[in-house]
Protein backbone atom coordinates (compact mmCIF):
# COMPACT_ATOMS: atom_id res chain seq x y z
CA MET A 1 51.64 -3.03 -22.20
CA ASP A 2 49.29 -1.41 -22.52
CA THR A 3 46.94 -4.01 -23.82
CA VAL A 4 48.30 -6.00 -21.14
CA LEU A 5 47.06 -3.77 -18.53
CA TYR A 6 43.55 -3.07 -20.05
CA ILE A 7 42.85 -6.73 -20.12
CA ILE A 8 44.10 -6.78 -16.55
CA ALA A 9 41.54 -4.29 -15.85
CA GLY A 10 38.71 -5.25 -17.31
CA GLU A 11 38.97 -8.74 -15.84
CA TRP A 12 39.06 -7.44 -12.41
CA ILE A 13 35.82 -5.10 -13.23
CA VAL A 14 33.85 -7.73 -14.67
CA PHE A 15 34.97 -10.39 -11.80
CA LEU A 16 33.83 -7.32 -9.10
CA VAL A 17 31.01 -6.93 -10.38
CA PHE A 18 29.85 -10.20 -10.68
CA ILE A 19 30.39 -10.73 -7.15
CA PHE A 20 28.35 -7.25 -6.15
CA SER A 21 25.70 -7.71 -8.26
CA LEU A 22 25.01 -11.25 -6.97
CA GLY A 23 25.57 -9.22 -3.85
CA PHE A 24 22.69 -7.38 -4.38
CA VAL A 25 20.46 -9.86 -5.79
CA TYR A 26 20.66 -12.24 -3.10
CA GLY A 27 22.37 -11.15 0.27
CA GLY A 28 20.51 -12.61 2.65
CA LYS A 29 19.96 -10.99 5.97
CA THR A 30 22.74 -10.44 8.60
CA GLU A 31 23.11 -12.25 11.58
CA ARG A 32 26.73 -11.38 12.86
CA ILE A 33 28.97 -9.00 11.88
CA SER A 34 32.76 -9.29 13.12
CA LYS A 35 33.52 -6.14 15.89
CA TRP A 36 37.34 -5.81 15.02
CA TYR A 37 38.23 -6.82 11.74
CA ILE A 38 36.98 -2.92 10.82
CA GLN A 39 39.30 -1.24 12.99
CA ARG A 40 42.40 -3.15 12.30
CA SER A 41 41.75 -3.45 8.74
CA PHE A 42 41.50 0.32 9.23
CA LEU A 43 44.99 0.28 11.11
CA LEU A 44 46.94 -2.42 8.51
CA PHE A 45 45.73 0.56 5.74
CA VAL A 46 47.25 3.69 7.58
CA LEU A 47 50.29 1.65 8.79
CA ALA A 48 50.77 0.34 4.79
CA ILE A 49 50.37 4.42 3.38
CA ILE A 50 53.20 4.93 6.29
CA ALA A 51 55.33 2.68 5.02
CA ILE A 52 54.79 3.45 1.56
CA ILE A 53 55.41 7.49 2.11
CA VAL A 54 58.80 7.11 4.27
CA ILE A 55 60.10 4.30 1.67
CA GLN A 56 59.30 6.83 -1.23
CA ARG A 57 60.42 9.86 1.27
CA PHE A 58 64.53 7.92 1.98
CA GLU A 59 64.39 6.31 -1.48
CA PRO A 60 62.87 7.96 -4.24
CA GLY A 61 61.83 5.96 -7.48
CA ILE A 62 62.08 2.87 -5.36
CA LEU A 63 58.41 1.83 -5.70
CA LEU A 64 58.40 2.22 -9.58
CA LEU A 65 62.17 -0.27 -9.91
CA ARG A 66 60.99 -2.50 -12.26
CA VAL A 67 61.45 -6.29 -11.00
CA ILE A 68 59.92 -7.85 -13.80
CA PRO A 69 61.02 -7.48 -17.61
CA ASP A 70 58.48 -5.93 -19.69
CA THR A 71 58.54 -8.60 -21.94
CA VAL A 72 55.75 -10.76 -24.35
CA LEU A 73 56.12 -13.92 -21.56
CA SER A 74 55.73 -11.44 -18.44
CA GLY A 75 52.12 -9.88 -20.42
CA VAL A 76 51.22 -13.92 -21.10
CA ALA A 77 52.19 -14.82 -17.79
CA GLY A 78 50.56 -12.43 -16.02
CA ILE A 79 47.27 -12.38 -18.17
CA VAL A 80 46.87 -16.37 -17.68
CA ILE A 81 47.69 -15.91 -13.72
CA THR A 82 45.52 -13.42 -13.29
CA THR A 83 42.72 -14.95 -15.16
CA ALA A 84 43.33 -18.54 -13.95
CA GLY A 85 43.11 -16.59 -10.07
CA LEU A 86 39.95 -14.77 -10.93
CA ALA A 87 38.09 -17.71 -11.92
CA PHE A 88 38.98 -19.69 -9.13
CA ALA A 89 37.35 -16.87 -7.17
CA THR A 90 34.14 -17.32 -8.96
CA TRP A 91 33.46 -20.62 -8.67
CA ALA A 92 34.04 -19.89 -4.74
CA ARG A 93 31.47 -17.33 -4.92
CA ILE A 94 29.09 -19.00 -7.10
CA HIS A 95 28.98 -21.74 -4.23
CA LEU A 96 28.79 -19.72 -1.69
CA GLY A 97 25.67 -18.05 -2.60
CA LYS A 98 23.77 -16.28 -0.79
CA PHE A 99 26.32 -16.90 2.52
CA TRP A 100 28.68 -14.35 0.49
CA SER A 101 29.83 -10.95 2.33
CA SER A 102 31.92 -8.24 1.96
CA MET A 103 32.89 -8.05 5.12
CA PRO A 104 33.06 -11.25 8.08
CA MET A 105 29.39 -11.46 9.10
CA ILE A 106 27.48 -14.46 10.02
CA LYS A 107 24.11 -14.79 7.55
CA ALA A 108 20.47 -15.96 8.11
CA GLY A 109 19.99 -19.77 8.26
CA HIS A 110 24.38 -19.29 7.38
CA HIS A 111 25.53 -23.02 7.44
CA LEU A 112 29.04 -23.65 6.64
CA ILE A 113 29.78 -24.73 2.49
CA ARG A 114 32.14 -27.92 2.26
CA THR A 115 30.97 -27.70 -1.52
CA GLY A 116 33.24 -26.95 -5.02
CA PRO A 117 36.61 -25.52 -4.31
CA TYR A 118 35.72 -25.63 -0.07
CA ARG A 119 36.63 -29.18 -1.01
CA ILE A 120 39.70 -27.79 -1.73
CA VAL A 121 40.38 -24.91 0.99
CA ARG A 122 38.48 -22.76 3.10
CA ASN A 123 38.92 -19.17 1.93
CA PRO A 124 39.20 -20.10 -2.14
CA MET A 125 37.70 -16.64 -2.56
CA TYR A 126 41.39 -15.37 -0.91
CA THR A 127 43.12 -18.36 -3.09
CA GLY A 128 41.87 -17.49 -5.90
CA MET A 129 41.70 -12.97 -5.89
CA LEU A 130 45.54 -13.48 -3.77
CA VAL A 131 46.81 -15.61 -6.88
CA ALA A 132 45.46 -12.66 -9.07
CA PHE A 133 46.80 -9.82 -7.59
CA ALA A 134 49.65 -11.91 -7.96
CA GLY A 135 49.64 -11.98 -11.75
CA SER A 136 48.57 -8.70 -12.02
CA ALA A 137 51.92 -7.39 -10.31
CA ILE A 138 53.98 -9.81 -12.67
CA VAL A 139 53.13 -7.44 -15.47
CA THR A 140 52.61 -4.35 -13.63
CA GLY A 141 56.21 -5.69 -12.76
CA LYS A 142 57.08 -2.65 -10.56
CA LEU A 143 57.89 -3.50 -7.02
CA VAL A 144 54.91 -1.41 -5.85
CA ALA A 145 52.55 -4.11 -7.31
CA PHE A 146 54.44 -6.81 -5.31
CA ILE A 147 54.83 -4.81 -1.79
CA ALA A 148 50.29 -3.83 -2.06
CA VAL A 149 49.84 -7.93 -2.77
CA GLY A 150 52.38 -8.24 0.73
CA ILE A 151 50.07 -5.60 2.43
CA ILE A 152 46.90 -7.95 0.69
CA VAL A 153 48.46 -11.18 2.27
CA ILE A 154 48.27 -9.84 5.79
CA GLY A 155 44.99 -7.65 4.97
CA LEU A 156 43.03 -11.29 3.68
CA TRP A 157 44.96 -12.79 6.62
CA LEU A 158 43.21 -10.59 8.98
CA LYS A 159 39.99 -11.00 7.08
CA ILE A 160 40.67 -14.68 7.55
CA LYS A 161 41.26 -14.25 11.18
CA ALA A 162 38.45 -12.68 11.79
CA GLU A 163 35.49 -14.67 9.73
CA GLU A 164 36.93 -17.68 11.79
CA ASP A 165 36.16 -16.58 14.97
CA ILE A 166 32.65 -15.90 14.26
CA LEU A 167 32.74 -18.91 11.90
CA LEU A 168 33.77 -20.72 15.74
CA GLU A 169 31.16 -19.52 18.23
CA LYS A 170 28.59 -20.12 15.35
CA PHE A 171 29.28 -23.46 14.09
CA GLY A 172 31.98 -24.92 17.02
CA GLU A 173 33.43 -28.39 16.61
CA GLU A 174 31.90 -28.50 12.59
CA TYR A 175 33.80 -25.77 11.81
CA ILE A 176 36.49 -27.09 13.98
CA GLN A 177 36.39 -29.80 12.59
CA PHE A 178 36.84 -28.31 9.01
CA LYS A 179 39.52 -26.67 9.61
CA ARG A 180 41.21 -30.21 10.56
CA ASP A 181 39.90 -31.20 7.20
CA VAL A 182 41.07 -28.47 5.59
CA LYS A 183 43.49 -25.88 4.80
CA ALA A 184 43.36 -22.02 4.85
CA LEU A 185 44.68 -20.62 1.68
CA ILE A 186 46.63 -23.67 -0.04
CA PRO A 187 45.89 -27.24 -0.42
CA TYR A 188 47.28 -29.67 1.56
CA ILE A 189 49.86 -27.03 3.04
CA LEU A 190 48.78 -23.30 4.67
């Protein structure tokens, strides 16, 4: 189990170093940033912490309940799923180039990216990261990991909505058409 966790942690570290280092090297000038995203994501974070504290207070130990058995199969499945998700997110990061940012914003010279994974889903980095979080939760196998994935889904949905607002404001009908053509997170479904 420890080896599998080290592999997963290593994958996440490499991924995060990659996406943020490209941002430092190729980051462009910010034109507009979402005003409400920070407030709503902070509120979500506070509510999640409160919920976890309340659950732990009334049901001690339940968050550490193992819901996926610690087996070779779950370890391999978790590594494969995490790797696939991070590879997809990396592909998206490469296609996004200088328009990537960790916050919902418009960069100078911004245009809609509709190549590579952006032909499949509008938010491929989030799709890939959610797949990777699910793989990581499988490896951990504990209830708290799956609750964390649920909280991350809500957080990313808030971020998607903030991004959609500023992209709609910037690109208007072009973005509306993009939304009609390509689903947000799951190809052809959602």
